[in-house]
Structure formats: structure tokens, C-alpha cells
Protein backbone atom coordinates (compact mmCIF):
# COMPACT_ATOMS: atom_id res chain seq x y z
CA MET A 1 -59.30 71.49 -0.12
CA LYS A 2 -61.67 72.34 2.72
CA PRO A 3 -65.52 71.73 1.98
CA ASP A 4 -65.98 75.95 1.54
CA ASP A 5 -63.61 75.77 -1.58
CA PHE A 6 -66.05 73.19 -3.65
CA ALA A 7 -69.22 75.00 -5.51
CA ILE A 8 -71.23 72.35 -4.96
CA GLN A 9 -71.36 69.60 -2.88
CA VAL A 10 -73.08 66.30 -2.87
CA HIS A 11 -73.02 63.68 -0.31
CA ARG A 12 -75.76 60.50 0.27
CA LEU A 13 -78.14 62.00 -1.77
CA LYS A 14 -81.29 59.81 -2.31
CA LYS A 15 -84.85 61.29 -3.97
CA TYR A 16 -87.36 58.25 -4.02
CA TYR A 17 -90.41 58.33 -5.99
CA GLN A 18 -93.71 55.90 -4.69
CA VAL A 19 -95.75 55.54 -8.13
CA HIS A 20 -99.54 53.88 -8.23
CA HIS A 21 -99.80 51.24 -10.37
CA ARG A 22 -103.38 50.86 -11.64
CA PRO A 23 -104.79 47.97 -13.85
CA PRO A 24 -106.12 48.89 -16.70
CA GLY A 25 -109.89 48.77 -17.41
CA PHE A 26 -113.31 49.80 -15.18
CA TRP A 27 -112.72 47.40 -12.94
CA GLY A 28 -109.24 48.53 -12.18
CA ALA A 29 -110.02 51.48 -11.70
CA VAL A 30 -113.00 50.59 -9.13
CA THR A 31 -110.42 48.65 -8.12
CA SER A 32 -107.53 50.55 -7.49
CA PHE A 33 -109.80 53.47 -5.40
CA PHE A 34 -110.13 51.43 -2.18
CA HIS A 35 -106.62 49.34 -3.02
CA ARG A 36 -103.70 50.87 -3.98
CA LYS A 37 -101.14 49.39 -4.91
CA TYR A 38 -97.41 51.47 -5.08
CA THR A 39 -93.90 50.78 -5.76
CA TYR A 40 -90.56 53.03 -5.01
CA ILE A 41 -88.73 54.17 -7.41
CA LYS A 42 -84.81 55.06 -6.39
CA ALA A 43 -84.08 57.78 -9.02
CA VAL A 44 -81.33 58.59 -7.10
CA ASP A 45 -79.52 55.85 -4.46
CA ASP A 46 -77.37 57.43 -1.89
CA ILE A 47 -74.80 59.28 -4.48
CA SER A 48 -71.73 61.90 -3.14
CA PHE A 49 -69.67 64.27 -5.41
CA ARG A 50 -67.78 67.31 -5.04
CA ILE A 51 -67.41 69.85 -8.01
CA ARG A 52 -64.84 72.86 -7.74
CA PRO A 53 -65.53 76.42 -8.75
CA GLY A 54 -65.11 76.82 -12.80
CA GLU A 55 -65.45 73.54 -13.66
CA ILE A 56 -67.24 72.20 -16.48
CA ILE A 57 -68.26 68.38 -15.52
CA GLY A 58 -70.09 66.01 -17.56
CA PHE A 59 -73.10 64.33 -16.09
CA LEU A 60 -73.53 60.93 -17.83
CA GLY A 61 -76.09 58.24 -18.07
CA PRO A 62 -78.93 56.40 -19.88
CA ASN A 63 -82.63 57.96 -19.77
CA GLY A 64 -84.30 57.17 -16.38
CA ALA A 65 -80.35 57.07 -14.62
CA GLY A 66 -81.65 59.94 -12.10
CA LYS A 67 -79.94 62.95 -13.87
CA THR A 68 -82.33 65.17 -14.52
CA THR A 69 -83.87 64.43 -11.06
CA THR A 70 -80.02 64.68 -9.42
CA LEU A 71 -79.95 68.25 -11.39
CA LYS A 72 -83.53 69.39 -9.77
CA VAL A 73 -82.34 68.97 -6.82
CA LEU A 74 -79.40 70.91 -7.14
CA SER A 75 -81.64 73.42 -7.84
CA GLY A 76 -83.85 73.26 -5.22
CA LEU A 77 -86.83 72.42 -7.34
CA LEU A 78 -87.33 69.01 -5.80
CA TYR A 79 -86.24 68.37 -2.04
CA PRO A 80 -84.21 65.00 -1.71
CA THR A 81 -85.71 61.93 0.34
CA ALA A 82 -82.52 61.83 2.47
CA GLY A 83 -78.77 63.28 2.09
CA GLU A 84 -77.12 66.36 2.10
CA VAL A 85 -76.81 69.00 -0.81
CA SER A 86 -75.09 72.35 -1.02
CA VAL A 87 -74.58 74.56 -3.84
CA LEU A 88 -72.59 77.70 -3.49
CA GLY A 89 -73.36 76.81 0.15
CA TYR A 90 -76.83 77.00 -0.21
CA THR A 91 -78.90 74.44 0.65
CA PRO A 92 -80.93 74.63 -2.76
CA HIS A 93 -84.44 73.68 -1.84
CA ARG A 94 -84.86 76.36 0.68
CA ARG A 95 -84.85 78.75 -2.63
CA GLU A 96 -83.22 81.88 -1.14
CA LYS A 97 -83.32 84.80 -3.03
CA ASP A 98 -79.80 84.80 -3.15
CA PHE A 99 -79.45 81.12 -4.41
CA LEU A 100 -81.49 81.43 -7.10
CA ARG A 101 -79.79 84.70 -8.27
CA GLN A 102 -76.16 82.81 -8.84
CA ILE A 103 -77.52 79.52 -10.43
CA THR A 104 -79.77 78.49 -13.48
CA LEU A 105 -80.99 75.74 -14.69
CA ILE A 106 -81.80 74.61 -18.97
CA MET A 107 -83.34 71.83 -20.10
CA GLY A 108 -83.32 71.54 -24.19
CA GLN A 109 -86.38 69.86 -24.07
CA LYS A 110 -88.72 72.60 -21.78
CA ASN A 111 -89.34 76.49 -22.73
CA GLN A 112 -89.42 79.06 -21.06
CA LEU A 113 -89.57 81.85 -23.53
CA MET A 114 -93.20 82.96 -24.21
CA TRP A 115 -94.44 81.23 -27.31
CA ASP A 116 -96.46 83.91 -29.39
CA LEU A 117 -93.52 87.02 -28.12
CA PRO A 118 -90.65 88.67 -29.51
CA ALA A 119 -88.16 86.98 -27.17
CA GLY A 120 -86.65 90.26 -26.67
CA ASP A 121 -89.82 90.49 -24.33
CA SER A 122 -89.44 87.53 -22.26
CA PHE A 123 -85.51 89.09 -21.71
CA LEU A 124 -87.30 92.35 -20.43
CA VAL A 125 -89.49 89.74 -18.27
CA ASN A 126 -86.05 87.75 -16.56
CA LYS A 127 -84.65 91.81 -16.19
CA ALA A 128 -87.59 92.10 -13.70
CA ILE A 129 -87.90 88.89 -12.08
CA TYR A 130 -84.25 89.11 -11.12
CA GLU A 131 -84.34 92.94 -10.29
CA ILE A 132 -81.39 93.69 -13.43
CA PRO A 133 -80.05 97.57 -12.94
CA ASP A 134 -80.97 98.92 -16.46
CA ASP A 135 -76.84 99.65 -17.07
CA GLU A 136 -75.76 95.91 -15.97
CA TYR A 137 -78.70 94.45 -18.26
CA GLU A 138 -77.61 96.22 -21.29
CA ARG A 139 -73.92 95.21 -21.06
CA THR A 140 -74.69 91.53 -20.30
CA LEU A 141 -76.66 91.82 -23.49
CA ALA A 142 -74.47 93.44 -25.60
CA GLU A 143 -71.87 90.13 -24.46
CA LEU A 144 -74.51 87.60 -24.80
CA ASP A 145 -75.00 89.08 -28.52
CA ASP A 146 -70.81 89.46 -29.15
CA MET A 147 -71.10 85.60 -27.96
CA LEU A 148 -74.30 84.29 -30.06
CA ASN A 149 -75.10 86.74 -32.82
CA LEU A 150 -78.26 87.86 -30.46
CA ARG A 151 -79.86 91.27 -31.99
CA PRO A 152 -81.55 89.79 -35.14
CA LEU A 153 -83.20 87.46 -33.08
CA LEU A 154 -85.04 89.37 -30.23
CA THR A 155 -87.31 91.03 -32.25
CA LYS A 156 -88.83 87.54 -33.63
CA GLN A 157 -91.90 86.20 -32.03
CA VAL A 158 -90.38 83.01 -30.15
CA ARG A 159 -92.54 80.69 -32.49
CA LYS A 160 -90.83 81.83 -35.59
CA LEU A 161 -87.74 81.09 -34.40
CA SER A 162 -85.48 77.82 -35.53
CA LEU A 163 -84.91 75.57 -33.21
CA GLY A 164 -81.20 76.47 -33.27
CA GLU A 165 -82.61 80.27 -32.90
CA ARG A 166 -85.13 79.57 -29.63
CA MET A 167 -82.39 77.69 -28.53
CA LYS A 168 -79.62 80.52 -28.51
CA CYS A 169 -82.43 83.14 -26.98
CA GLU A 170 -83.58 80.37 -24.71
CA LEU A 171 -79.40 80.18 -23.19
CA ALA A 172 -79.43 83.67 -22.95
CA ALA A 173 -82.26 84.18 -21.35
CA ALA A 174 -81.64 81.95 -18.77
CA LEU A 175 -77.80 83.82 -18.13
CA LEU A 176 -79.01 87.95 -18.13
CA HIS A 177 -78.44 87.31 -14.23
CA ARG A 178 -74.88 86.14 -15.23
CA PRO A 179 -75.42 82.90 -12.73
CA GLN A 180 -72.19 81.66 -11.35
CA VAL A 181 -73.58 77.81 -11.78
CA LEU A 182 -74.96 76.41 -14.67
CA PHE A 183 -77.64 73.02 -14.93
CA LEU A 184 -77.52 72.10 -18.40
CA ASP A 185 -79.85 69.18 -19.16
CA GLU A 186 -79.71 68.58 -23.03
CA PRO A 187 -78.78 72.48 -23.70
CA THR A 188 -78.12 71.02 -27.65
CA ILE A 189 -80.90 68.00 -28.09
CA GLY A 190 -82.53 68.26 -31.43
CA LEU A 191 -80.12 70.68 -32.69
CA ASP A 192 -78.58 69.75 -36.26
CA VAL A 193 -74.37 69.56 -36.36
CA THR A 194 -73.61 73.14 -36.86
CA THR A 195 -75.84 74.97 -34.19
CA GLN A 196 -74.61 71.96 -31.76
CA ALA A 197 -70.88 73.38 -32.43
CA LYS A 198 -72.32 76.97 -31.94
CA ILE A 199 -73.57 75.81 -28.38
CA ARG A 200 -70.71 74.37 -27.01
CA GLU A 201 -68.50 77.13 -28.10
CA PHE A 202 -70.66 79.54 -26.70
CA ILE A 203 -70.50 77.28 -22.88
CA ALA A 204 -67.05 76.96 -23.25
CA GLU A 205 -66.91 80.98 -23.91
CA TYR A 206 -69.40 82.17 -20.86
CA ASN A 207 -66.74 79.35 -18.45
CA ARG A 208 -64.11 81.25 -19.51
CA ARG A 209 -65.38 84.86 -19.44
CA PHE A 210 -67.20 84.12 -15.97
CA GLY A 211 -65.51 81.23 -14.37
CA ALA A 212 -68.79 79.80 -14.02
CA THR A 213 -69.52 76.31 -12.59
CA ILE A 214 -71.29 74.07 -15.16
CA LEU A 215 -72.56 70.88 -14.67
CA LEU A 216 -73.64 69.54 -18.17
CA THR A 217 -76.10 66.24 -19.44
CA SER A 218 -75.56 65.02 -22.70
CA HIS A 219 -76.34 62.25 -25.00
CA TYR A 220 -73.91 63.83 -27.66
CA MET A 221 -70.81 62.80 -26.92
CA ALA A 222 -69.53 65.30 -28.95
CA ASP A 223 -70.54 67.64 -26.31
CA VAL A 224 -68.66 66.17 -23.42
CA THR A 225 -65.63 66.03 -25.34
CA ALA A 226 -65.29 69.11 -26.31
CA LEU A 227 -65.84 70.85 -23.43
CA CYS A 228 -65.25 68.28 -20.30
CA ASP A 229 -62.34 66.78 -18.71
CA ARG A 230 -63.96 65.49 -15.63
CA ILE A 231 -67.23 63.10 -15.65
CA ILE A 232 -69.67 61.43 -13.53
CA VAL A 233 -71.29 58.55 -14.71
CA ILE A 234 -74.67 57.17 -13.38
CA HIS A 235 -76.52 54.45 -14.11
CA HIS A 236 -79.85 53.27 -11.83
CA GLY A 237 -79.14 55.95 -9.35
CA HIS A 238 -75.50 55.38 -8.80
CA ILE A 239 -72.59 56.26 -9.69
CA LEU A 240 -70.32 53.82 -11.46
CA TYR A 241 -67.71 56.49 -12.35
CA ASP A 242 -66.11 60.07 -11.22
CA GLY A 243 -62.98 61.04 -13.02
CA ASN A 244 -61.04 62.37 -16.00
CA LEU A 245 -62.73 61.00 -19.32
CA LYS A 246 -59.07 59.76 -20.69
CA ASN A 247 -58.91 58.15 -17.66
CA LEU A 248 -61.64 55.87 -18.33
CA VAL A 249 -61.30 55.20 -21.97
CA GLU A 250 -57.61 53.87 -21.21
CA GLN A 251 -59.39 51.87 -17.88
CA MET A 252 -62.23 50.25 -19.98
CA ALA A 253 -60.33 49.74 -23.33
CA PRO A 254 -56.94 48.42 -23.22
CA TYR A 255 -56.85 49.45 -27.12
CA LYS A 256 -56.39 51.80 -29.90
CA VAL A 257 -58.16 51.89 -33.55
CA LEU A 258 -56.11 51.55 -36.53
CA HIS A 259 -57.78 52.93 -39.37
CA ILE A 260 -55.96 52.14 -42.79
CA THR A 261 -56.57 52.16 -46.21
CA PHE A 262 -54.35 50.10 -48.66
CA GLN A 263 -53.62 50.99 -52.19
CA SER A 264 -55.09 47.58 -53.38
CA PRO A 265 -57.13 45.55 -51.83
CA ILE A 266 -55.56 42.92 -48.66
CA PRO A 267 -56.53 39.44 -47.38
CA ARG A 268 -58.07 39.76 -44.13
CA SER A 269 -56.05 36.76 -43.01
CA ALA A 270 -52.54 38.89 -43.87
CA LEU A 271 -54.40 41.73 -41.21
CA GLU A 272 -54.82 39.63 -38.42
CA PRO A 273 -51.58 39.15 -36.53
CA TYR A 274 -52.16 43.39 -35.89
CA GLY A 275 -54.60 43.13 -33.75
CA GLU A 276 -58.80 42.74 -33.98
CA VAL A 277 -60.07 43.12 -37.38
CA VAL A 278 -63.49 44.47 -36.58
CA HIS A 279 -63.67 46.23 -40.03
CA TYR A 280 -63.06 45.24 -43.55
CA GLU A 281 -63.66 46.23 -47.04
CA GLY A 282 -60.54 45.13 -48.75
CA ILE A 283 -58.52 48.06 -49.29
CA ARG A 284 -59.75 49.23 -45.92
CA ALA A 285 -59.67 47.42 -42.52
CA THR A 286 -59.79 49.04 -38.91
CA ILE A 287 -57.64 47.13 -36.45
CA ASN A 288 -57.99 47.41 -32.58
CA ALA A 289 -54.59 46.63 -31.58
CA PRO A 290 -52.82 46.70 -27.81
CA ARG A 291 -52.54 50.21 -26.98
CA ALA A 292 -49.06 49.89 -25.83
CA GLU A 293 -48.32 48.36 -29.25
CA ALA A 294 -50.61 50.15 -31.44
CA ALA A 295 -47.66 52.62 -32.96
CA THR A 296 -45.61 49.78 -33.28
CA ARG A 297 -48.17 47.88 -35.19
CA ALA A 298 -48.81 51.03 -37.24
CA ALA A 299 -45.19 50.81 -38.15
CA GLN A 300 -45.03 47.53 -39.63
CA LEU A 301 -48.05 47.54 -41.42
CA LEU A 302 -46.72 50.59 -43.40
CA THR A 303 -43.10 48.50 -43.67
CA LYS A 304 -45.38 45.46 -45.28
CA PHE A 305 -47.87 46.93 -47.36
CA ASN A 306 -48.84 49.51 -49.87
CA VAL A 307 -50.59 52.00 -47.16
CA ALA A 308 -52.21 54.47 -48.80
CA ASP A 309 -53.21 56.42 -45.06
CA VAL A 310 -53.08 55.39 -41.47
CA THR A 311 -54.65 56.95 -38.55
CA ILE A 312 -54.03 55.99 -35.13
CA VAL A 313 -57.39 57.36 -32.71
CA GLU A 314 -59.10 56.34 -28.90
CA PRO A 315 -62.18 54.17 -29.12
CA PRO A 316 -65.15 55.97 -29.63
CA VAL A 317 -66.72 57.42 -26.08
CA GLU A 318 -69.92 56.30 -26.85
CA GLU A 319 -68.17 52.48 -26.82
CA ILE A 320 -66.79 52.95 -23.54
CA ILE A 321 -69.84 53.96 -21.71
CA ALA A 322 -72.27 51.70 -23.39
CA LEU A 323 -69.19 49.23 -22.65
CA LEU A 324 -69.01 50.74 -18.30
CA PHE A 325 -73.21 49.84 -18.49
CA GLN A 326 -72.74 46.77 -19.33
CA THR A 327 -69.76 45.67 -17.15
CA ALA A 328 -72.25 47.37 -14.19
CA ASP A 329 -75.34 45.47 -15.52
CA LYS A 330 -73.34 41.76 -15.28
CA GLU A 331 -72.23 42.16 -12.01
CA ALA A 332 -75.74 43.26 -10.79
CA ASN A 333 -76.80 40.34 -11.96
CA SER A 334 -74.58 38.02 -11.03
CA ALA A 335 -74.62 39.44 -7.77
CA VAL A 336 -78.73 38.12 -7.55
């Protein structure tokens, strides 16, 4: 694809911070006044990737990995230390009006709605900021209401909304101008399982209706597996993996997981020939079997034992991501 065919382009992006360190106490304050000590934090260190229009990408990593910093650079809130960044053909840090009308940044831990006013008043403020015509505003609000059931919430003070209701309104407020690029930073954080599922459904539906490009960070792997075929994994400011989620699972875990329930207790030793027994409770067991032989091993168990139920599943994505981080840390330590 040509460069112009990508909605987001990041080339060798770096973002470093200078951090002041001061010893505690009065004399520490006096000393640091005359002799300040600094260290440099490499929040993002030479990363590159491209995202096509309409893609939903999972941007994963532990706290402090550089995810939020990258989103802030892409949305123009931070100036990069080095490298090139392009979003819809614009340079984000220039904060051009046409650029801002086409993107939005939603942070699950930040509140853009006015706390003591009804959510509908904040919507009208955004309508004025983005100069949205009345007919377009009503049409967009109706579409968002159709997806999120907003109308009952618009007349309530924001501080009286539940967390899930507030998150719905936060999303709607940020999407009134119909942005083509969404940067979503932990949009489901703190929400209950049911509300998380509704927010995921909304994000998928918005992408389907408007073809929006979405870069999503989340510590909830259910968000990622439900929405994203492709993931970018960042750790200590570096990209560890950029590709298909299923391929990563197959690379990092050469096994599948068999969950078995027997009609009567089976000795643990009798199950060991079929794979690694990682959980055992007499009538229930979990076995990690070689990926290529998982179906065969399950069939053998069904033939030899009185099995009430058996399922074959992929390893949890959380375990795969954790294993990826552990492998990277071991390689980094061995290189020192």
C-alpha cells in the first residue's frame, strides 16, 4: 500500500521526559535548589507502525509501557522528541482545526463532562465548539441514542449518573462531531461486566456504521479479543509484537487447553500421558496438550474414561501477553 493509504503512520517515534529527583526533607530541598539531579525517562523509544482506515487495533502493554504517551502524541497533546507521526495526513502537534474535527481521544480515567450540569448541556457545548449544524447534531444524537440509549440520561446531572451511564455519555460527547479516528484509552476501566460488553458492542457498531479507525488500549483482554484481529504490544517503550492476535497465541503457546469433567474421580497419574496436568480436582482436570495433537488426545480420553464433558480452548490471552513480557525481560537481562 502507498503511504497515503494509511490513516495513521508512526515512524521511529521517540518521547523522552526529563525527571527531577529530590532527596526528602528540608536539606534535600535546599540541596536540590542549587544542584538539581535529573534522569531521562524513555516513555516511547523508537517505535514504528501503520494502521489502515477502518481498522480496530489493540494497543497493549503494562502500566508505564508508553501506551498513553503514544496516544497523546497521536492526538497532538504531546510534541514528540523525535520521529514522524501522521494521522489522516496531518501532523498532530500542529493541532490544525481540520485535524481536530476528525479525531477524538477518550480516556476512561478522565472526565470531560461538566460535573454539576446535565450531560445534555455538555453535548451542546461540544456542538458549539465543533460548529455542528443543528440538523446534523440531531441526526448524530439520534444515531448515538439508538446505539447507547442516551435520552433518559441527558437531563440528569453528571455527578448523579452511575459510572456506566457516565461512560456512555462520555463516549457520545466525544463522538458528536463524527470523528474518523478514535483513540480509546481504557474506555471500560472500572465498569461491570455487563456494561463492558455494551461499550464493546457500541465501539464495534460505530466502526461498522462510520468506518472509523480505532486504536484501543485496555487491560481487559475481553475488550481486545472481542474487537481486534490485530494487536500492537509495547513494553518499556519498545514494540514487542505487531500482528494478528491468533498468530501470537499460536507462536507463544504450542499447546491447547483441555477442560475435562469425568463421571467419577480419575487418578492424576492416569492423565499425565495426555499432556501437562495444570489443574486437578479428582473429577475435573485441565490439561495442556500439544496444539497439533489436542483433538487426538481429547478423543483418547473420551475412549478410555467415562467423560461427562470435554472442551478444547486456546490458552487465555492474558497468559500469552504475560509470557511475551517475561520473554522480553529475560532477553533484556541476558543482554546486560
